[in-house]
């Protein structure tokens, strides 16, 4: 009976994936297809869990990297929560920096942060920093100058609860959503520094004790989209802004320093 039921579930899952175009990236049992520090990552009751025990635990942010290939144009859906006063993020179109340490990543990130202005923002880990905070839609011109195109009320969520994060990447247009609401969009015309493909990964943040949990992560590969060409005339209604900075690099409370 069990084998028949398993077979039926397998066919049902495959049919569902074919119908909506999404492919599950976790098998619900173990970390097959993923690569990270085995001391920090595990699967428990179908949930992927990464744990940082505190400031002494990690010398730098570390990542669970998908080894199924590089992502280019896609839609990604992930159900995630972060327990503890710290943050996580979903990396995409990223690359490894082994000269820093194993499992260290640089590239685009959708932030999962307890500070509302940061959650769902467009950001580049170990790179150009913050582009658009939650509620801001922005553009980088060919010289890397940042422009705000529009704004809307930030999407308010409790990141310690389960929320669905969506990333849609089409050419040089990147869009982040939480629970179906857009948090930030970026059009990246900085050809020297942007990335059009790369690795997918989940962040485990160093510092304050925290745990990131993922119970669903699905990928839909999209047809390659043409790049949006830069048109200076379209900046007539935009506002030139400085790159946003943060006073809350981990969570909403104080950073607990590592012991010397």
C-alpha atoms as a PDB file:
ATOM      1  CA  UNK A   1       0.000   0.000   0.000  1.00  0.00           C
ATOM      2  CA  UNK A   2       2.791   2.392   0.919  1.00  0.00           C
ATOM      3  CA  UNK A   3       4.583   1.912  -2.408  1.00  0.00           C
ATOM      4  CA  UNK A   4       1.355   2.512  -4.352  1.00  0.00           C
ATOM      5  CA  UNK A   5       0.680   5.675  -2.349  1.00  0.00           C
ATOM      6  CA  UNK A   6       4.246   6.889  -2.892  1.00  0.00           C
ATOM      7  CA  UNK A   7       3.912   6.311  -6.626  1.00  0.00           C
ATOM      8  CA  UNK A   8       0.637   8.244  -6.748  1.00  0.00           C
ATOM      9  CA  UNK A   9       2.188  11.126  -4.811  1.00  0.00           C
ATOM     10  CA  UNK A  10       5.180  11.150  -7.155  1.00  0.00           C
ATOM     11  CA  UNK A  11       2.933  11.370 -10.209  1.00  0.00           C
ATOM     12  CA  UNK A  12       0.816  14.065  -8.557  1.00  0.00           C
ATOM     13  CA  UNK A  13       3.914  16.122  -7.713  1.00  0.00           C
ATOM     14  CA  UNK A  14       5.299  15.765 -11.233  1.00  0.00           C
ATOM     15  CA  UNK A  15       1.954  16.764 -12.749  1.00  0.00           C
ATOM     16  CA  UNK A  16       1.755  19.797 -10.486  1.00  0.00           C
ATOM     17  CA  UNK A  17       5.289  20.869 -11.433  1.00  0.00           C
ATOM     18  CA  UNK A  18       4.470  20.458 -15.118  1.00  0.00           C
ATOM     19  CA  UNK A  19       1.235  22.420 -14.805  1.00  0.00           C
ATOM     20  CA  UNK A  20       2.637  25.532 -13.125  1.00  0.00           C
ATOM     21  CA  UNK A  21       6.178  25.321 -14.512  1.00  0.00           C
ATOM     22  CA  UNK A  22       7.879  25.286 -11.112  1.00  0.00           C
ATOM     23  CA  UNK A  23      10.406  22.678 -10.026  1.00  0.00           C
ATOM     24  CA  UNK A  24      10.994  21.987  -6.291  1.00  0.00           C
ATOM     25  CA  UNK A  25      14.662  22.480  -5.376  1.00  0.00           C
ATOM     26  CA  UNK A  26      14.521  20.640  -2.027  1.00  0.00           C
ATOM     27  CA  UNK A  27      13.539  16.977  -1.826  1.00  0.00           C
ATOM     28  CA  UNK A  28      12.152  17.317   1.723  1.00  0.00           C
ATOM     29  CA  UNK A  29      14.487  14.640   3.096  1.00  0.00           C
ATOM     30  CA  UNK A  30      18.087  15.801   2.883  1.00  0.00           C
ATOM     31  CA  UNK A  31      20.384  18.356   1.253  1.00  0.00           C
ATOM     32  CA  UNK A  32      20.961  16.469  -1.986  1.00  0.00           C
ATOM     33  CA  UNK A  33      21.785  19.021  -4.693  1.00  0.00           C
ATOM     34  CA  UNK A  34      22.911  21.615  -2.153  1.00  0.00           C
ATOM     35  CA  UNK A  35      26.313  22.460  -0.712  1.00  0.00           C
ATOM     36  CA  UNK A  36      27.022  24.128   2.624  1.00  0.00           C
ATOM     37  CA  UNK A  37      28.877  23.741   5.893  1.00  0.00           C
ATOM     38  CA  UNK A  38      27.471  20.448   7.282  1.00  0.00           C
ATOM     39  CA  UNK A  39      28.023  21.752  10.797  1.00  0.00           C
ATOM     40  CA  UNK A  40      25.447  24.485  10.201  1.00  0.00           C
ATOM     41  CA  UNK A  41      22.785  23.067   7.865  1.00  0.00           C
ATOM     42  CA  UNK A  42      20.332  20.189   8.268  1.00  0.00           C
ATOM     43  CA  UNK A  43      16.868  18.975   7.247  1.00  0.00           C
ATOM     44  CA  UNK A  44      14.333  18.299   9.995  1.00  0.00           C
ATOM     45  CA  UNK A  45      10.669  17.373   9.445  1.00  0.00           C
ATOM     46  CA  UNK A  46      10.948  18.454   5.822  1.00  0.00           C
ATOM     47  CA  UNK A  47      12.354  21.879   6.734  1.00  0.00           C
ATOM     48  CA  UNK A  48      15.844  23.086   5.781  1.00  0.00           C
ATOM     49  CA  UNK A  49      17.454  24.712   8.818  1.00  0.00           C
ATOM     50  CA  UNK A  50      20.624  26.784   9.121  1.00  0.00           C
ATOM     51  CA  UNK A  51      21.814  27.750  12.601  1.00  0.00           C
ATOM     52  CA  UNK A  52      24.289  30.355  13.846  1.00  0.00           C
ATOM     53  CA  UNK A  53      24.865  29.844  17.577  1.00  0.00           C
ATOM     54  CA  UNK A  54      26.176  33.361  18.195  1.00  0.00           C
ATOM     55  CA  UNK A  55      29.001  35.839  17.528  1.00  0.00           C
ATOM     56  CA  UNK A  56      31.731  33.243  18.072  1.00  0.00           C
ATOM     57  CA  UNK A  57      30.212  30.758  15.629  1.00  0.00           C
ATOM     58  CA  UNK A  58      30.939  32.282  12.222  1.00  0.00           C
ATOM     59  CA  UNK A  59      33.785  34.517  11.013  1.00  0.00           C
ATOM     60  CA  UNK A  60      31.655  35.630   8.045  1.00  0.00           C
ATOM     61  CA  UNK A  61      28.244  35.108   6.473  1.00  0.00           C
ATOM     62  CA  UNK A  62      27.968  31.623   5.012  1.00  0.00           C
ATOM     63  CA  UNK A  63      25.653  30.117   2.407  1.00  0.00           C
ATOM     64  CA  UNK A  64      23.854  26.970   1.373  1.00  0.00           C
ATOM     65  CA  UNK A  65      24.524  26.843  -2.389  1.00  0.00           C
ATOM     66  CA  UNK A  66      22.363  25.122  -4.991  1.00  0.00           C
ATOM     67  CA  UNK A  67      24.524  22.954  -7.230  1.00  0.00           C
ATOM     68  CA  UNK A  68      21.845  22.289  -9.843  1.00  0.00           C
ATOM     69  CA  UNK A  69      23.268  24.909 -12.183  1.00  0.00           C
ATOM     70  CA  UNK A  70      23.273  28.662 -12.692  1.00  0.00           C
ATOM     71  CA  UNK A  71      20.108  30.764 -12.814  1.00  0.00           C
ATOM     72  CA  UNK A  72      19.520  33.405 -15.450  1.00  0.00           C
ATOM     73  CA  UNK A  73      15.925  34.497 -16.143  1.00  0.00           C
ATOM     74  CA  UNK A  74      13.575  32.891 -13.649  1.00  0.00           C
ATOM     75  CA  UNK A  75      10.878  33.153 -11.012  1.00  0.00           C
ATOM     76  CA  UNK A  76      11.738  31.780  -7.587  1.00  0.00           C
ATOM     77  CA  UNK A  77       9.304  31.176  -4.727  1.00  0.00           C
ATOM     78  CA  UNK A  78      10.490  30.395  -1.193  1.00  0.00           C
ATOM     79  CA  UNK A  79       8.671  30.130   2.135  1.00  0.00           C
ATOM     80  CA  UNK A  80      11.063  31.274   4.849  1.00  0.00           C
ATOM     81  CA  UNK A  81      11.290  32.468   8.430  1.00  0.00           C
ATOM     82  CA  UNK A  82      14.171  33.754  10.586  1.00  0.00           C
ATOM     83  CA  UNK A  83      14.216  33.105  14.336  1.00  0.00           C
ATOM     84  CA  UNK A  84      16.449  35.436  16.365  1.00  0.00           C
ATOM     85  CA  UNK A  85      17.480  39.082  16.029  1.00  0.00           C
ATOM     86  CA  UNK A  86      19.337  38.719  12.784  1.00  0.00           C
ATOM     87  CA  UNK A  87      18.588  38.387   9.082  1.00  0.00           C
ATOM     88  CA  UNK A  88      18.958  36.087   6.095  1.00  0.00           C
ATOM     89  CA  UNK A  89      18.530  36.405   2.361  1.00  0.00           C
ATOM     90  CA  UNK A  90      18.140  34.625  -0.942  1.00  0.00           C
ATOM     91  CA  UNK A  91      21.139  34.994  -3.239  1.00  0.00           C
ATOM     92  CA  UNK A  92      20.789  34.767  -7.012  1.00  0.00           C
ATOM     93  CA  UNK A  93      22.932  35.390 -10.089  1.00  0.00           C
ATOM     94  CA  UNK A  94      25.780  35.189  -7.594  1.00  0.00           C
ATOM     95  CA  UNK A  95      29.299  33.758  -7.513  1.00  0.00           C
ATOM     96  CA  UNK A  96      31.554  32.179  -4.930  1.00  0.00           C
ATOM     97  CA  UNK A  97      34.549  33.978  -3.386  1.00  0.00           C
ATOM     98  CA  UNK A  98      36.716  31.067  -2.212  1.00  0.00           C
ATOM     99  CA  UNK A  99      39.583  33.424  -1.409  1.00  0.00           C
ATOM    100  CA  UNK A 100      37.482  34.599   1.560  1.00  0.00           C
ATOM    101  CA  UNK A 101      36.282  31.185   2.746  1.00  0.00           C
ATOM    102  CA  UNK A 102      34.350  28.155   1.495  1.00  0.00           C
ATOM    103  CA  UNK A 103      30.613  28.752   0.976  1.00  0.00           C
ATOM    104  CA  UNK A 104      30.964  32.545   0.768  1.00  0.00           C
ATOM    105  CA  UNK A 105      28.901  34.279  -1.935  1.00  0.00           C
ATOM    106  CA  UNK A 106      28.750  37.679  -3.601  1.00  0.00           C
ATOM    107  CA  UNK A 107      25.836  38.897  -5.732  1.00  0.00           C
ATOM    108  CA  UNK A 108      22.213  39.971  -5.800  1.00  0.00           C
ATOM    109  CA  UNK A 109      20.137  39.270  -2.714  1.00  0.00           C
ATOM    110  CA  UNK A 110      16.532  39.568  -1.605  1.00  0.00           C
ATOM    111  CA  UNK A 111      16.951  40.419   2.068  1.00  0.00           C
ATOM    112  CA  UNK A 112      14.897  38.725   4.803  1.00  0.00           C
ATOM    113  CA  UNK A 113      15.326  41.221   7.617  1.00  0.00           C
ATOM    114  CA  UNK A 114      13.332  42.128  10.759  1.00  0.00           C
ATOM    115  CA  UNK A 115      13.820  45.846  10.003  1.00  0.00           C
ATOM    116  CA  UNK A 116      10.941  46.652   7.654  1.00  0.00           C
ATOM    117  CA  UNK A 117      12.975  48.981   5.429  1.00  0.00           C
ATOM    118  CA  UNK A 118      15.396  46.167   4.648  1.00  0.00           C
ATOM    119  CA  UNK A 119      13.182  43.136   4.161  1.00  0.00           C
ATOM    120  CA  UNK A 120      12.653  42.369   0.488  1.00  0.00           C
ATOM    121  CA  UNK A 121      15.025  45.133  -0.557  1.00  0.00           C
ATOM    122  CA  UNK A 122      17.289  44.864  -3.610  1.00  0.00           C
ATOM    123  CA  UNK A 123      20.854  44.419  -2.418  1.00  0.00           C
ATOM    124  CA  UNK A 124      24.234  43.084  -3.490  1.00  0.00           C
ATOM    125  CA  UNK A 125      26.149  41.013  -0.920  1.00  0.00           C
ATOM    126  CA  UNK A 126      29.870  41.844  -0.828  1.00  0.00           C
ATOM    127  CA  UNK A 127      29.366  44.180  -3.756  1.00  0.00           C
ATOM    128  CA  UNK A 128      27.571  47.416  -4.489  1.00  0.00           C
ATOM    129  CA  UNK A 129      25.455  47.307  -1.325  1.00  0.00           C
ATOM    130  CA  UNK A 130      21.837  48.428  -1.018  1.00  0.00           C
ATOM    131  CA  UNK A 131      19.997  49.573  -4.134  1.00  0.00           C
ATOM    132  CA  UNK A 132      16.319  49.923  -3.223  1.00  0.00           C
ATOM    133  CA  UNK A 133      14.871  49.698   0.268  1.00  0.00           C
ATOM    134  CA  UNK A 134      11.459  48.101   0.822  1.00  0.00           C
ATOM    135  CA  UNK A 135       9.015  50.465  -0.901  1.00  0.00           C
ATOM    136  CA  UNK A 136      11.503  51.886  -3.415  1.00  0.00           C
ATOM    137  CA  UNK A 137      11.793  51.109  -7.136  1.00  0.00           C
ATOM    138  CA  UNK A 138      15.183  52.149  -8.474  1.00  0.00           C
ATOM    139  CA  UNK A 139      17.475  52.265 -11.496  1.00  0.00           C
ATOM    140  CA  UNK A 140      21.259  52.151 -11.830  1.00  0.00           C
ATOM    141  CA  UNK A 141      22.478  54.117 -14.846  1.00  0.00           C
ATOM    142  CA  UNK A 142      25.476  53.003 -16.941  1.00  0.00           C
ATOM    143  CA  UNK A 143      27.838  54.880 -14.595  1.00  0.00           C
ATOM    144  CA  UNK A 144      26.424  53.176 -11.519  1.00  0.00           C
ATOM    145  CA  UNK A 145      24.517  56.256 -10.339  1.00  0.00           C
ATOM    146  CA  UNK A 146      21.331  55.385  -8.453  1.00  0.00           C
ATOM    147  CA  UNK A 147      17.940  56.859  -9.344  1.00  0.00           C
ATOM    148  CA  UNK A 148      14.618  56.414  -7.573  1.00  0.00           C
ATOM    149  CA  UNK A 149      11.852  55.843 -10.100  1.00  0.00           C
ATOM    150  CA  UNK A 150       8.899  55.512  -7.732  1.00  0.00           C
ATOM    151  CA  UNK A 151       7.921  54.574  -4.213  1.00  0.00           C
ATOM    152  CA  UNK A 152       5.049  52.910  -2.398  1.00  0.00           C
ATOM    153  CA  UNK A 153       4.247  51.970   1.209  1.00  0.00           C
ATOM    154  CA  UNK A 154       6.716  49.325   2.428  1.00  0.00           C
ATOM    155  CA  UNK A 155       5.389  45.792   2.773  1.00  0.00           C
ATOM    156  CA  UNK A 156       5.139  45.024   6.491  1.00  0.00           C
ATOM    157  CA  UNK A 157       5.824  41.471   7.622  1.00  0.00           C
ATOM    158  CA  UNK A 158       7.042  39.606  10.676  1.00  0.00           C
ATOM    159  CA  UNK A 159      10.039  37.650   9.397  1.00  0.00           C
ATOM    160  CA  UNK A 160       9.848  35.271  12.379  1.00  0.00           C
ATOM    161  CA  UNK A 161       6.631  33.930  10.807  1.00  0.00           C
ATOM    162  CA  UNK A 162       6.356  31.983   7.551  1.00  0.00           C
ATOM    163  CA  UNK A 163       6.230  34.314   4.537  1.00  0.00           C
ATOM    164  CA  UNK A 164       6.518  33.652   0.814  1.00  0.00           C
ATOM    165  CA  UNK A 165       9.354  35.494  -0.910  1.00  0.00           C
ATOM    166  CA  UNK A 166       9.328  35.817  -4.698  1.00  0.00           C
ATOM    167  CA  UNK A 167      12.166  36.884  -6.977  1.00  0.00           C
ATOM    168  CA  UNK A 168      11.529  37.548 -10.660  1.00  0.00           C
ATOM    169  CA  UNK A 169      14.610  38.160 -12.818  1.00  0.00           C
ATOM    170  CA  UNK A 170      14.154  39.122 -16.460  1.00  0.00           C
ATOM    171  CA  UNK A 171      17.225  40.483 -18.200  1.00  0.00           C
ATOM    172  CA  UNK A 172      18.385  43.532 -16.235  1.00  0.00           C
ATOM    173  CA  UNK A 173      15.021  43.960 -14.481  1.00  0.00           C
ATOM    174  CA  UNK A 174      14.794  42.431 -10.998  1.00  0.00           C
ATOM    175  CA  UNK A 175      11.649  42.361  -8.851  1.00  0.00           C
ATOM    176  CA  UNK A 176      11.203  41.228  -5.236  1.00  0.00           C
ATOM    177  CA  UNK A 177       7.872  40.395  -3.582  1.00  0.00           C
ATOM    178  CA  UNK A 178       6.648  39.191  -0.194  1.00  0.00           C
ATOM    179  CA  UNK A 179       3.280  37.461   0.087  1.00  0.00           C
ATOM    180  CA  UNK A 180       2.312  38.693  -3.376  1.00  0.00           C
ATOM    181  CA  UNK A 181       3.202  42.360  -2.767  1.00  0.00           C
ATOM    182  CA  UNK A 182       6.138  44.054  -4.488  1.00  0.00           C
ATOM    183  CA  UNK A 183       8.805  45.297  -2.084  1.00  0.00           C
ATOM    184  CA  UNK A 184      11.458  46.637  -4.481  1.00  0.00           C
ATOM    185  CA  UNK A 185      12.397  46.626  -8.157  1.00  0.00           C
ATOM    186  CA  UNK A 186      15.746  47.320  -9.795  1.00  0.00           C
ATOM    187  CA  UNK A 187      16.695  48.051 -13.399  1.00  0.00           C
ATOM    188  CA  UNK A 188      20.464  47.568 -13.620  1.00  0.00           C
ATOM    189  CA  UNK A 189      22.137  49.400 -16.511  1.00  0.00           C
ATOM    190  CA  UNK A 190      25.606  49.138 -14.932  1.00  0.00           C
ATOM    191  CA  UNK A 191      26.970  46.674 -17.505  1.00  0.00           C
ATOM    192  CA  UNK A 192      30.419  46.484 -15.895  1.00  0.00           C
ATOM    193  CA  UNK A 193      29.136  45.293 -12.529  1.00  0.00           C
ATOM    194  CA  UNK A 194      25.740  43.662 -13.069  1.00  0.00           C
ATOM    195  CA  UNK A 195      25.277  39.920 -13.410  1.00  0.00           C
ATOM    196  CA  UNK A 196      22.910  38.233 -15.858  1.00  0.00           C
ATOM    197  CA  UNK A 197      23.413  34.714 -14.502  1.00  0.00           C
ATOM    198  CA  UNK A 198      24.952  32.971 -11.528  1.00  0.00           C
ATOM    199  CA  UNK A 199      24.442  30.831  -8.462  1.00  0.00           C
ATOM    200  CA  UNK A 200      21.445  30.500  -6.182  1.00  0.00           C
ATOM    201  CA  UNK A 201      22.004  30.269  -2.414  1.00  0.00           C
ATOM    202  CA  UNK A 202      20.491  30.826   1.047  1.00  0.00           C
ATOM    203  CA  UNK A 203      22.282  33.056   3.546  1.00  0.00           C
ATOM    204  CA  UNK A 204      23.104  32.244   7.174  1.00  0.00           C
ATOM    205  CA  UNK A 205      24.154  35.521   8.791  1.00  0.00           C
ATOM    206  CA  UNK A 206      27.020  35.749  11.227  1.00  0.00           C
ATOM    207  CA  UNK A 207      26.735  37.532  14.587  1.00  0.00           C
ATOM    208  CA  UNK A 208      23.637  37.473  16.753  1.00  0.00           C
ATOM    209  CA  UNK A 209      22.290  33.950  17.312  1.00  0.00           C
ATOM    210  CA  UNK A 210      19.708  33.058  14.677  1.00  0.00           C
ATOM    211  CA  UNK A 211      18.103  30.258  12.728  1.00  0.00           C
ATOM    212  CA  UNK A 212      16.860  30.429   9.131  1.00  0.00           C
ATOM    213  CA  UNK A 213      14.239  27.907   8.055  1.00  0.00           C
ATOM    214  CA  UNK A 214      12.999  27.116   4.537  1.00  0.00           C
ATOM    215  CA  UNK A 215      10.122  24.753   3.899  1.00  0.00           C
ATOM    216  CA  UNK A 216       9.415  25.361   0.232  1.00  0.00           C
ATOM    217  CA  UNK A 217      11.634  26.569  -2.572  1.00  0.00           C
ATOM    218  CA  UNK A 218      10.573  26.288  -6.209  1.00  0.00           C
ATOM    219  CA  UNK A 219      12.118  27.552  -9.431  1.00  0.00           C
ATOM    220  CA  UNK A 220      10.573  28.334 -12.801  1.00  0.00           C
ATOM    221  CA  UNK A 221      12.983  28.963 -15.661  1.00  0.00           C
ATOM    222  CA  UNK A 222      11.774  31.828 -17.865  1.00  0.00           C
ATOM    223  CA  UNK A 223      12.559  32.534 -21.518  1.00  0.00           C
ATOM    224  CA  UNK A 224      15.557  34.827 -21.910  1.00  0.00           C
ATOM    225  CA  UNK A 225      14.310  38.419 -21.869  1.00  0.00           C
ATOM    226  CA  UNK A 226      15.868  41.274 -23.846  1.00  0.00           C
ATOM    227  CA  UNK A 227      17.760  43.837 -21.794  1.00  0.00           C
ATOM    228  CA  UNK A 228      15.930  47.077 -21.125  1.00  0.00           C
ATOM    229  CA  UNK A 229      17.982  49.741 -22.970  1.00  0.00           C
ATOM    230  CA  UNK A 230      19.069  52.826 -21.064  1.00  0.00           C
ATOM    231  CA  UNK A 231      17.141  55.962 -22.016  1.00  0.00           C
ATOM    232  CA  UNK A 232      18.283  59.115 -20.210  1.00  0.00           C
ATOM    233  CA  UNK A 233      15.060  60.860 -21.203  1.00  0.00           C
ATOM    234  CA  UNK A 234      13.114  58.532 -18.923  1.00  0.00           C
ATOM    235  CA  UNK A 235      14.975  59.920 -15.904  1.00  0.00           C
ATOM    236  CA  UNK A 236      13.144  63.242 -16.202  1.00  0.00           C
ATOM    237  CA  UNK A 237      10.682  62.194 -13.497  1.00  0.00           C
ATOM    238  CA  UNK A 238      13.225  60.266 -11.413  1.00  0.00           C
ATOM    239  CA  UNK A 239      15.236  61.430  -8.408  1.00  0.00           C
ATOM    240  CA  UNK A 240      18.986  60.946  -8.135  1.00  0.00           C
ATOM    241  CA  UNK A 241      19.747  59.439  -4.718  1.00  0.00           C
ATOM    242  CA  UNK A 242      22.703  58.261  -2.674  1.00  0.00           C
ATOM    243  CA  UNK A 243      23.129  54.551  -2.016  1.00  0.00           C
ATOM    244  CA  UNK A 244      21.106  53.752   1.125  1.00  0.00           C
ATOM    245  CA  UNK A 245      23.091  52.761   4.209  1.00  0.00           C
ATOM    246  CA  UNK A 246      22.048  50.895   7.310  1.00  0.00           C
ATOM    247  CA  UNK A 247      22.416  51.385  11.043  1.00  0.00           C
ATOM    248  CA  UNK A 248      20.949  47.905  11.588  1.00  0.00           C
ATOM    249  CA  UNK A 249      23.338  45.463   9.917  1.00  0.00           C
ATOM    250  CA  UNK A 250      21.908  42.367  11.598  1.00  0.00           C
ATOM    251  CA  UNK A 251      18.497  42.827  13.191  1.00  0.00           C
ATOM    252  CA  UNK A 252      16.584  45.553  15.004  1.00  0.00           C
ATOM    253  CA  UNK A 253      18.537  45.424  18.273  1.00  0.00           C
ATOM    254  CA  UNK A 254      22.211  45.845  19.161  1.00  0.00           C
ATOM    255  CA  UNK A 255      24.875  43.688  17.542  1.00  0.00           C
ATOM    256  CA  UNK A 256      26.404  41.319  20.061  1.00  0.00           C
ATOM    257  CA  UNK A 257      30.190  41.549  19.585  1.00  0.00           C
ATOM    258  CA  UNK A 258      32.428  38.509  19.422  1.00  0.00           C
ATOM    259  CA  UNK A 259      34.692  38.022  22.413  1.00  0.00           C
ATOM    260  CA  UNK A 260      38.305  39.034  21.855  1.00  0.00           C
END
